[in-house]
């Protein structure tokens, strides 16, 4: 592989919607796949679009490496389940496990390999705009639901997420994203080591112990250090 091809495998472009680089510019995505400068694609689903783009990557690029298709499948794909905060209010992890199992089957049948879920950001801030996607303020409850959702997406016992009715899970957002000051999204977070390890990190351990395939970095700083640019918690 050339250096350009190696870097290309790290690049993700958006097929539709303005949620990432290249959003809506489908020709640019196709050109990147053809040139071997693309590893994954956000917000693409449906047999027609996903199969056509996959053929370009496999049949027209020099190395023929298949693409990974990801989508935010948060509380349902075609079937809509209650928001994660409402599911957590049930105090029953089987609720979120069922959501993930059904969502995985529906998403995978539409060409999706990878979901950006579960979100396991513990938060005490009701003004935060993403609180509805969280399980609330308790790290134990969040950890239990995180593990259940990973198992639902990928299969029990660190299941094989390449199966035709499974998708890869993504534990997000690492870490302390729910502690943004003033409830302002992407804002700075300043926490002690004790609070970080006892409040924000346990759900991630639970998700990884359950076999979560991937982890998404958070968009905030912690103690002045960007989460996307540091190897330490």
Foldseek 3Di string as FASTA:
>chain_A
DDPQLVQLLVDEEECDDPPGHPHVVNVVLLVCLLANNHAEYEDDWACVVQVVSQCSNQPRYPVRDGHAYEYAQQQADVDGDAALLVVLVVLDLVSLLQRLQRRLQVRLVGPHAEHADDEAAAAPAPLAPCCSSYNYHANVSSLSNLLSNQCSQANFPLHHQVPSRHHAYEYDEPWNQRQAPPNDHQHEHEDDPVCCVPGICNSVVSNVVSNRPYYHYGNHHYPNHGRVPDPDD
